[in-house]
């Protein structure tokens, strides 16, 4: 990463941090410190290509704050539960005092004051949880990253395809792959939905490690991913896709002592003059359907100009 890119990175980081502080009613030093710590971990994985992608840094830092917000929600929920336990304890103590006819009016008054304070704290904690939850929803709506798999999400895909199709004719070949995890419902039913999430994370991680920096991976929805292969001819597109399918097939995920095997079917097509995001996805989806119909765990191409 060059000096100019580092300067741009820091400027964007500071801009996002100022926006985040301004959005909070009661921003604290701890929140800022946590934000910077989370951001530092994310920055270590940034490369020059990512820095130059429109919206990437905004997505990066919003994602860091999203993690902090979720941690805050978890902390407040735990506090809320503890207060509720104390409230119930005081309620039972008050009942015991009344049932045994102990004449301790001053203690009863004090307990009532504590009870009132506890109820106030519970209400306050619930309000904070509600506000933080809404903030997380807002951040999730803004971000370009899928929170589970850490690849780009469908929102980012739509924007990316719109930009590609606006060029009418690209100066290089671009292929679109629509990937579907085979028998995903069976994996969820057999091993549980948490295991299904682990499978999606494993596949996304494998794809990221295997593909080139210039290629892009998006979570299309559920167990489906979209891969954009740039600057590659038809033969290499087929070769790389078959290698990905083979790699997923031959490796197994170990989850809670169980070996989970996953395979994927892929429909492929190539960008051509006059394409729109819908026509590209339509052809890839049509090819994917044929790959599934032919027995799954394979590639099928929707032919246009060769592929």
Protein backbone atom coordinates (compact mmCIF):
# COMPACT_ATOMS: atom_id res chain seq x y z
CA UNK A 1 0.00 0.00 0.00
CA UNK A 2 1.49 3.37 -1.05
CA UNK A 3 1.75 6.49 1.11
CA UNK A 4 -1.14 8.22 -0.70
CA UNK A 5 -3.37 5.20 -0.10
CA UNK A 6 -2.45 5.19 3.59
CA UNK A 7 -3.35 8.87 3.87
CA UNK A 8 -6.68 8.21 2.15
CA UNK A 9 -7.34 5.27 4.48
CA UNK A 10 -6.70 7.35 7.63
CA UNK A 11 -8.79 10.25 6.33
CA UNK A 12 -11.75 7.98 5.68
CA UNK A 13 -11.31 6.32 9.05
CA UNK A 14 -11.35 9.67 10.86
CA UNK A 15 -14.39 10.78 8.88
CA UNK A 16 -16.33 7.64 9.80
CA UNK A 17 -15.29 7.93 13.45
CA UNK A 18 -16.54 11.52 13.64
CA UNK A 19 -19.86 10.51 12.08
CA UNK A 20 -20.25 7.68 14.59
CA UNK A 21 -19.48 9.95 17.57
CA UNK A 22 -21.90 12.56 16.29
CA UNK A 23 -24.65 9.94 15.95
CA UNK A 24 -24.41 9.00 19.64
CA UNK A 25 -26.11 10.94 22.41
CA UNK A 26 -23.63 9.77 25.06
CA UNK A 27 -20.41 8.77 23.29
CA UNK A 28 -17.64 7.65 25.65
CA UNK A 29 -13.87 7.30 25.55
CA UNK A 30 -14.27 3.54 25.96
CA UNK A 31 -16.50 3.34 22.86
CA UNK A 32 -13.96 5.26 20.81
CA UNK A 33 -11.10 3.09 22.09
CA UNK A 34 -13.04 -0.09 21.27
CA UNK A 35 -13.88 1.27 17.84
CA UNK A 36 -10.22 1.97 17.09
CA UNK A 37 -9.22 -1.47 18.36
CA UNK A 38 -11.79 -3.22 16.17
CA UNK A 39 -10.84 -1.06 13.20
CA UNK A 40 -7.14 -1.90 13.66
CA UNK A 41 -7.91 -5.60 13.33
CA UNK A 42 -9.90 -4.99 10.14
CA UNK A 43 -7.25 -2.72 8.62
CA UNK A 44 -4.63 -5.48 8.81
CA UNK A 45 -6.60 -7.39 6.18
CA UNK A 46 -7.01 -4.44 3.79
CA UNK A 47 -5.16 -4.48 0.47
CA UNK A 48 -4.75 -1.79 -2.16
CA UNK A 49 -7.56 -3.12 -4.36
CA UNK A 50 -10.02 -2.96 -1.48
CA UNK A 51 -9.00 0.59 -0.52
CA UNK A 52 -9.84 1.80 -4.02
CA UNK A 53 -13.27 0.16 -4.11
CA UNK A 54 -16.09 2.67 -3.77
CA UNK A 55 -17.77 2.39 -0.40
CA UNK A 56 -15.37 -0.21 0.97
CA UNK A 57 -13.94 1.90 3.80
CA UNK A 58 -17.37 3.13 4.86
CA UNK A 59 -18.48 -0.49 4.97
CA UNK A 60 -15.34 -1.50 6.84
CA UNK A 61 -15.69 1.01 9.66
CA UNK A 62 -19.45 0.74 9.96
CA UNK A 63 -18.94 -2.99 10.32
CA UNK A 64 -16.45 -2.38 13.14
CA UNK A 65 -18.94 -0.22 14.99
CA UNK A 66 -21.66 -2.80 14.39
CA UNK A 67 -19.57 -5.32 16.35
CA UNK A 68 -19.19 -2.83 19.21
CA UNK A 69 -22.92 -2.08 19.24
CA UNK A 70 -23.77 -5.77 19.41
CA UNK A 71 -21.37 -6.20 22.33
CA UNK A 72 -23.07 -3.28 24.08
CA UNK A 73 -26.47 -4.86 23.56
CA UNK A 74 -25.23 -8.12 25.06
CA UNK A 75 -23.80 -6.26 28.06
CA UNK A 76 -27.00 -4.37 28.73
CA UNK A 77 -29.09 -7.52 28.39
CA UNK A 78 -27.00 -9.22 31.08
CA UNK A 79 -27.33 -6.17 33.34
CA UNK A 80 -31.06 -6.12 32.77
CA UNK A 81 -31.41 -9.76 33.78
CA UNK A 82 -29.43 -9.15 36.97
CA UNK A 83 -31.62 -6.20 37.92
CA UNK A 84 -34.75 -8.24 37.30
CA UNK A 85 -33.43 -10.95 39.65
CA UNK A 86 -32.80 -8.36 42.36
CA UNK A 87 -36.27 -6.93 41.83
CA UNK A 88 -37.87 -10.32 42.34
CA UNK A 89 -35.76 -10.87 45.46
CA UNK A 90 -36.93 -7.58 46.96
CA UNK A 91 -40.53 -8.36 46.07
CA UNK A 92 -40.34 -11.69 47.89
CA UNK A 93 -38.69 -10.00 50.90
CA UNK A 94 -41.48 -7.46 51.09
CA UNK A 95 -44.09 -10.21 50.95
CA UNK A 96 -42.38 -12.07 53.79
CA UNK A 97 -42.38 -8.91 55.94
CA UNK A 98 -46.09 -8.42 55.38
CA UNK A 99 -47.02 -12.08 55.91
CA UNK A 100 -45.15 -12.32 59.25
CA UNK A 101 -46.60 -9.03 60.45
CA UNK A 102 -43.18 -7.63 61.25
CA UNK A 103 -43.64 -4.01 62.10
CA UNK A 104 -40.69 -2.46 60.37
CA UNK A 105 -42.21 0.50 58.51
CA UNK A 106 -38.91 2.22 57.92
CA UNK A 107 -37.39 -0.90 56.33
CA UNK A 108 -40.51 -1.39 54.21
CA UNK A 109 -40.31 2.19 53.01
CA UNK A 110 -36.65 1.73 52.15
CA UNK A 111 -37.35 -1.49 50.29
CA UNK A 112 -40.10 0.25 48.37
CA UNK A 113 -37.66 2.97 47.38
CA UNK A 114 -35.17 0.32 46.21
CA UNK A 115 -37.95 -1.45 44.35
CA UNK A 116 -38.89 1.77 42.59
CA UNK A 117 -35.26 2.41 41.69
CA UNK A 118 -34.86 -1.11 40.33
CA UNK A 119 -37.95 -0.73 38.14
CA UNK A 120 -36.58 2.55 36.83
CA UNK A 121 -33.26 0.90 35.95
CA UNK A 122 -35.01 -1.97 34.15
CA UNK A 123 -37.01 0.50 32.07
CA UNK A 124 -33.90 2.53 31.33
CA UNK A 125 -31.92 -0.57 30.31
CA UNK A 126 -34.76 -1.71 28.03
CA UNK A 127 -34.82 1.70 26.35
CA UNK A 128 -31.06 1.56 25.75
CA UNK A 129 -31.30 -1.98 24.34
CA UNK A 130 -34.07 -0.87 22.01
CA UNK A 131 -32.07 2.13 20.76
CA UNK A 132 -28.91 0.08 20.20
CA UNK A 133 -30.87 -2.58 18.36
CA UNK A 134 -32.25 0.06 16.01
CA UNK A 135 -28.74 1.42 15.48
CA UNK A 136 -27.50 -2.03 14.51
CA UNK A 137 -30.39 -2.42 12.05
CA UNK A 138 -29.45 0.93 10.53
CA UNK A 139 -25.79 -0.09 10.23
CA UNK A 140 -26.74 -3.41 8.66
CA UNK A 141 -28.82 -1.54 6.09
CA UNK A 142 -25.84 0.70 5.21
CA UNK A 143 -23.07 -1.88 5.12
CA UNK A 144 -21.92 -3.70 2.00
CA UNK A 145 -20.75 -6.75 3.94
CA UNK A 146 -22.75 -9.83 4.86
CA UNK A 147 -22.50 -10.08 8.68
CA UNK A 148 -22.25 -13.90 8.72
CA UNK A 149 -19.82 -14.76 5.91
CA UNK A 150 -17.93 -11.42 5.70
CA UNK A 151 -18.21 -11.38 1.90
CA UNK A 152 -20.09 -8.64 0.04
CA UNK A 153 -23.89 -8.72 0.37
CA UNK A 154 -26.73 -8.51 -2.17
CA UNK A 155 -26.90 -4.72 -1.85
CA UNK A 156 -23.26 -4.49 -2.94
CA UNK A 157 -23.92 -6.95 -5.79
CA UNK A 158 -26.77 -4.83 -7.16
CA UNK A 159 -24.58 -1.73 -7.12
CA UNK A 160 -21.65 -3.56 -8.71
CA UNK A 161 -23.73 -5.07 -11.53
CA UNK A 162 -25.39 -1.72 -12.22
CA UNK A 163 -21.96 -0.14 -12.66
CA UNK A 164 -20.80 -2.96 -14.92
CA UNK A 165 -23.89 -2.88 -17.14
CA UNK A 166 -23.74 0.93 -17.36
CA UNK A 167 -20.44 0.53 -19.24
CA UNK A 168 -22.41 -1.21 -22.03
CA UNK A 169 -19.32 -3.01 -23.27
CA UNK A 170 -16.48 -3.97 -20.97
CA UNK A 171 -12.90 -3.82 -22.28
CA UNK A 172 -12.35 -7.30 -20.80
CA UNK A 173 -14.25 -10.57 -20.30
CA UNK A 174 -16.34 -10.90 -17.16
CA UNK A 175 -18.05 -14.11 -16.02
CA UNK A 176 -20.76 -14.45 -13.40
CA UNK A 177 -21.15 -17.63 -11.35
CA UNK A 178 -24.28 -18.38 -9.33
CA UNK A 179 -23.34 -20.88 -6.59
CA UNK A 180 -25.79 -22.94 -4.53
CA UNK A 181 -24.85 -25.25 -1.63
CA UNK A 182 -26.36 -28.66 -2.37
CA UNK A 183 -28.81 -30.24 0.08
CA UNK A 184 -28.43 -27.36 2.51
CA UNK A 185 -31.79 -28.04 4.15
CA UNK A 186 -30.62 -31.57 4.98
CA UNK A 187 -27.49 -30.16 6.63
CA UNK A 188 -29.64 -27.87 8.80
CA UNK A 189 -32.09 -30.66 9.64
CA UNK A 190 -29.34 -33.17 10.48
CA UNK A 191 -26.77 -31.01 12.28
CA UNK A 192 -28.71 -27.87 13.25
CA UNK A 193 -28.86 -24.34 11.90
CA UNK A 194 -25.64 -23.31 13.67
CA UNK A 195 -23.85 -26.03 11.72
CA UNK A 196 -25.46 -24.67 8.55
CA UNK A 197 -24.06 -21.24 9.35
CA UNK A 198 -20.61 -22.77 9.85
CA UNK A 199 -20.86 -24.43 6.43
CA UNK A 200 -21.67 -21.09 4.78
CA UNK A 201 -18.76 -19.43 6.61
CA UNK A 202 -16.43 -22.28 5.60
CA UNK A 203 -17.43 -22.09 1.92
CA UNK A 204 -17.13 -18.30 1.83
CA UNK A 205 -13.69 -18.50 3.46
CA UNK A 206 -12.54 -21.18 0.99
CA UNK A 207 -13.71 -19.14 -1.98
CA UNK A 208 -11.93 -16.01 -0.71
CA UNK A 209 -8.68 -17.87 -0.15
CA UNK A 210 -8.79 -19.55 -3.57
CA UNK A 211 -9.88 -16.76 -5.89
CA UNK A 212 -7.77 -13.84 -7.06
CA UNK A 213 -7.88 -10.40 -5.42
CA UNK A 214 -9.60 -8.94 -8.48
CA UNK A 215 -12.47 -11.43 -8.30
CA UNK A 216 -15.46 -10.65 -6.09
CA UNK A 217 -17.72 -12.81 -3.93
CA UNK A 218 -21.23 -11.85 -2.84
CA UNK A 219 -23.77 -13.62 -0.68
CA UNK A 220 -26.86 -13.63 -2.87
CA UNK A 221 -29.20 -14.94 -0.19
CA UNK A 222 -29.66 -18.07 1.93
CA UNK A 223 -27.17 -20.66 0.72
CA UNK A 224 -26.46 -18.93 -2.60
CA UNK A 225 -23.38 -16.93 -3.58
CA UNK A 226 -22.47 -14.93 -6.67
CA UNK A 227 -18.88 -14.84 -7.92
CA UNK A 228 -17.61 -12.29 -10.44
CA UNK A 229 -14.56 -13.47 -12.38
CA UNK A 230 -12.79 -10.58 -14.13
CA UNK A 231 -10.34 -10.62 -17.03
CA UNK A 232 -10.60 -14.30 -17.75
CA UNK A 233 -11.37 -16.29 -20.88
CA UNK A 234 -14.02 -19.01 -21.20
CA UNK A 235 -11.68 -21.97 -20.81
CA UNK A 236 -10.10 -20.60 -17.64
CA UNK A 237 -13.53 -19.76 -16.22
CA UNK A 238 -14.57 -23.40 -16.57
CA UNK A 239 -11.25 -24.63 -15.19
CA UNK A 240 -11.31 -22.39 -12.12
CA UNK A 241 -14.97 -23.15 -11.37
CA UNK A 242 -14.42 -26.90 -11.56
CA UNK A 243 -11.42 -26.52 -9.25
CA UNK A 244 -13.60 -24.70 -6.71
CA UNK A 245 -16.26 -27.40 -6.89
CA UNK A 246 -13.62 -30.10 -6.42
CA UNK A 247 -12.03 -28.24 -3.50
CA UNK A 248 -15.34 -27.95 -1.61
CA UNK A 249 -16.22 -31.58 -2.33
CA UNK A 250 -12.90 -33.01 -1.13
CA UNK A 251 -12.72 -31.04 2.12
CA UNK A 252 -14.96 -31.60 5.14
CA UNK A 253 -15.97 -29.29 7.94
CA UNK A 254 -15.63 -30.67 11.48
CA UNK A 255 -18.35 -29.29 13.76
CA UNK A 256 -18.82 -30.57 17.31
CA UNK A 257 -16.99 -33.77 16.44
CA UNK A 258 -19.12 -34.41 13.36
CA UNK A 259 -17.73 -34.42 9.83
CA UNK A 260 -19.97 -32.41 7.50
CA UNK A 261 -19.52 -32.81 3.76
CA UNK A 262 -20.81 -30.09 1.47
CA UNK A 263 -20.95 -29.82 -2.31
CA UNK A 264 -22.05 -26.99 -4.55
CA UNK A 265 -23.69 -26.58 -7.93
CA UNK A 266 -22.75 -23.67 -10.18
CA UNK A 267 -24.45 -21.91 -13.06
CA UNK A 268 -22.17 -19.72 -15.20
CA UNK A 269 -22.67 -17.06 -17.84
CA UNK A 270 -20.66 -14.25 -19.44
CA UNK A 271 -21.35 -10.54 -19.68
CA UNK A 272 -22.29 -9.48 -23.18
CA UNK A 273 -23.28 -6.23 -24.84
CA UNK A 274 -26.75 -5.10 -23.78
CA UNK A 275 -26.85 -7.13 -20.56
CA UNK A 276 -28.63 -5.85 -17.47
CA UNK A 277 -28.22 -7.16 -13.91
CA UNK A 278 -31.48 -9.07 -14.37
CA UNK A 279 -30.46 -10.76 -17.64
CA UNK A 280 -27.12 -11.82 -16.16
CA UNK A 281 -28.72 -13.32 -13.05
CA UNK A 282 -31.49 -14.91 -15.13
CA UNK A 283 -29.03 -16.78 -17.37
CA UNK A 284 -26.89 -17.88 -14.43
CA UNK A 285 -29.97 -19.06 -12.54
CA UNK A 286 -31.15 -20.99 -15.59
CA UNK A 287 -27.74 -22.67 -15.81
CA UNK A 288 -27.77 -23.42 -12.07
CA UNK A 289 -31.15 -25.12 -12.41
CA UNK A 290 -29.71 -27.40 -15.10
CA UNK A 291 -26.67 -28.18 -12.95
CA UNK A 292 -29.03 -29.22 -10.15
CA UNK A 293 -31.24 -31.18 -12.51
CA UNK A 294 -28.23 -33.05 -13.92
CA UNK A 295 -27.24 -34.41 -10.49
CA UNK A 296 -25.74 -31.44 -8.55
CA UNK A 297 -22.07 -30.99 -7.54
CA UNK A 298 -21.19 -29.68 -10.99
CA UNK A 299 -20.94 -26.69 -13.34
CA UNK A 300 -23.37 -25.87 -16.12
CA UNK A 301 -22.86 -22.92 -18.48
CA UNK A 302 -25.55 -20.91 -20.19
CA UNK A 303 -23.97 -20.42 -23.58
CA UNK A 304 -23.60 -16.95 -25.06
CA UNK A 305 -20.69 -16.39 -27.41
CA UNK A 306 -19.11 -19.63 -26.24
CA UNK A 307 -20.16 -19.82 -22.60
